[in-house]
Amino acid sequence: MPTSIRLSPEVEHRLDDLVAMTDRSKAEYLRDFVERGLEDLEDYYWAEEVLERIEAW
């Protein structure tokens, strides 16, 4: 599903530099960033929920 985001000029410039240094596209990097970010957030909220259960026990 296509999704669009606005990047600050600084972030877009950094992404452009990364693309220029490698053989990957912006889309590949953005997909990777979103997937990793989601995994990190899921882990965080899962751990927070487990901690709350432990503290309530």
C-alpha atoms as a PDB file:
ATOM      1  CA  MET A   1       0.000   0.000   0.000  1.00  0.00           C
ATOM      2  CA  PRO A   2       1.545   3.330  -0.991  1.00  0.00           C
ATOM      3  CA  THR A   3       2.079   5.717   1.893  1.00  0.00           C
ATOM      4  CA  SER A   4       3.651   9.138   1.845  1.00  0.00           C
ATOM      5  CA  ILE A   5       5.546  10.996   4.546  1.00  0.00           C
ATOM      6  CA  ARG A   6       7.114  14.422   4.811  1.00  0.00           C
ATOM      7  CA  LEU A   7      10.745  14.510   5.778  1.00  0.00           C
ATOM      8  CA  SER A   8      12.554  17.540   7.062  1.00  0.00           C
ATOM      9  CA  PRO A   9      15.099  18.894   4.577  1.00  0.00           C
ATOM     10  CA  GLU A  10      17.904  17.723   6.873  1.00  0.00           C
ATOM     11  CA  VAL A  11      16.595  14.148   7.066  1.00  0.00           C
ATOM     12  CA  GLU A  12      15.968  14.038   3.330  1.00  0.00           C
ATOM     13  CA  HIS A  13      19.509  15.264   2.676  1.00  0.00           C
ATOM     14  CA  ARG A  14      20.931  12.589   4.983  1.00  0.00           C
ATOM     15  CA  LEU A  15      18.844   9.938   3.244  1.00  0.00           C
ATOM     16  CA  ASP A  16      20.005  11.188  -0.160  1.00  0.00           C
ATOM     17  CA  ASP A  17      23.626  10.953   1.018  1.00  0.00           C
ATOM     18  CA  LEU A  18      23.065   7.395   2.231  1.00  0.00           C
ATOM     19  CA  VAL A  19      21.489   6.397  -1.085  1.00  0.00           C
ATOM     20  CA  ALA A  20      24.420   7.959  -2.966  1.00  0.00           C
ATOM     21  CA  MET A  21      26.920   5.946  -0.897  1.00  0.00           C
ATOM     22  CA  THR A  22      25.169   2.616  -1.374  1.00  0.00           C
ATOM     23  CA  ASP A  23      23.361   0.544  -3.946  1.00  0.00           C
ATOM     24  CA  ARG A  24      19.959   0.845  -2.269  1.00  0.00           C
ATOM     25  CA  SER A  25      16.974   3.046  -3.040  1.00  0.00           C
ATOM     26  CA  LYS A  26      15.185   5.488  -0.752  1.00  0.00           C
ATOM     27  CA  ALA A  27      12.197   3.155  -0.728  1.00  0.00           C
ATOM     28  CA  GLU A  28      14.351   0.255   0.485  1.00  0.00           C
ATOM     29  CA  TYR A  29      15.785   2.335   3.309  1.00  0.00           C
ATOM     30  CA  LEU A  30      12.411   3.745   4.333  1.00  0.00           C
ATOM     31  CA  ARG A  31      10.829   0.266   4.402  1.00  0.00           C
ATOM     32  CA  ASP A  32      13.725  -0.979   6.507  1.00  0.00           C
ATOM     33  CA  PHE A  33      13.489   1.999   8.891  1.00  0.00           C
ATOM     34  CA  VAL A  34       9.743   1.529   9.369  1.00  0.00           C
ATOM     35  CA  GLU A  35      10.056  -2.220   9.958  1.00  0.00           C
ATOM     36  CA  ARG A  36      12.860  -1.794  12.480  1.00  0.00           C
ATOM     37  CA  GLY A  37      11.088   1.071  14.201  1.00  0.00           C
ATOM     38  CA  LEU A  38       7.885  -0.957  14.497  1.00  0.00           C
ATOM     39  CA  GLU A  39       9.777  -3.903  15.940  1.00  0.00           C
ATOM     40  CA  ASP A  40      11.444  -1.635  18.496  1.00  0.00           C
ATOM     41  CA  LEU A  41       8.128  -0.053  19.508  1.00  0.00           C
ATOM     42  CA  GLU A  42       6.394  -3.430  19.742  1.00  0.00           C
ATOM     43  CA  ASP A  43       9.214  -4.738  21.946  1.00  0.00           C
ATOM     44  CA  TYR A  44       9.032  -1.647  24.141  1.00  0.00           C
ATOM     45  CA  TYR A  45       5.273  -1.836  24.682  1.00  0.00           C
ATOM     46  CA  TRP A  46       5.377  -5.596  25.207  1.00  0.00           C
ATOM     47  CA  ALA A  47       8.085  -5.184  27.858  1.00  0.00           C
ATOM     48  CA  GLU A  48       6.146  -2.361  29.499  1.00  0.00           C
ATOM     49  CA  GLU A  49       3.034  -4.552  29.682  1.00  0.00           C
ATOM     50  CA  VAL A  50       4.994  -7.456  31.175  1.00  0.00           C
ATOM     51  CA  LEU A  51       6.558  -5.152  33.766  1.00  0.00           C
ATOM     52  CA  GLU A  52       3.128  -3.823  34.767  1.00  0.00           C
ATOM     53  CA  ARG A  53       1.858  -7.385  35.220  1.00  0.00           C
ATOM     54  CA  ILE A  54       4.874  -8.310  37.333  1.00  0.00           C
ATOM     55  CA  GLU A  55       4.485  -5.220  39.507  1.00  0.00           C
ATOM     56  CA  ALA A  56       0.763  -5.953  39.972  1.00  0.00           C
ATOM     57  CA  TRP A  57       1.455  -9.538  40.988  1.00  0.00           C
END
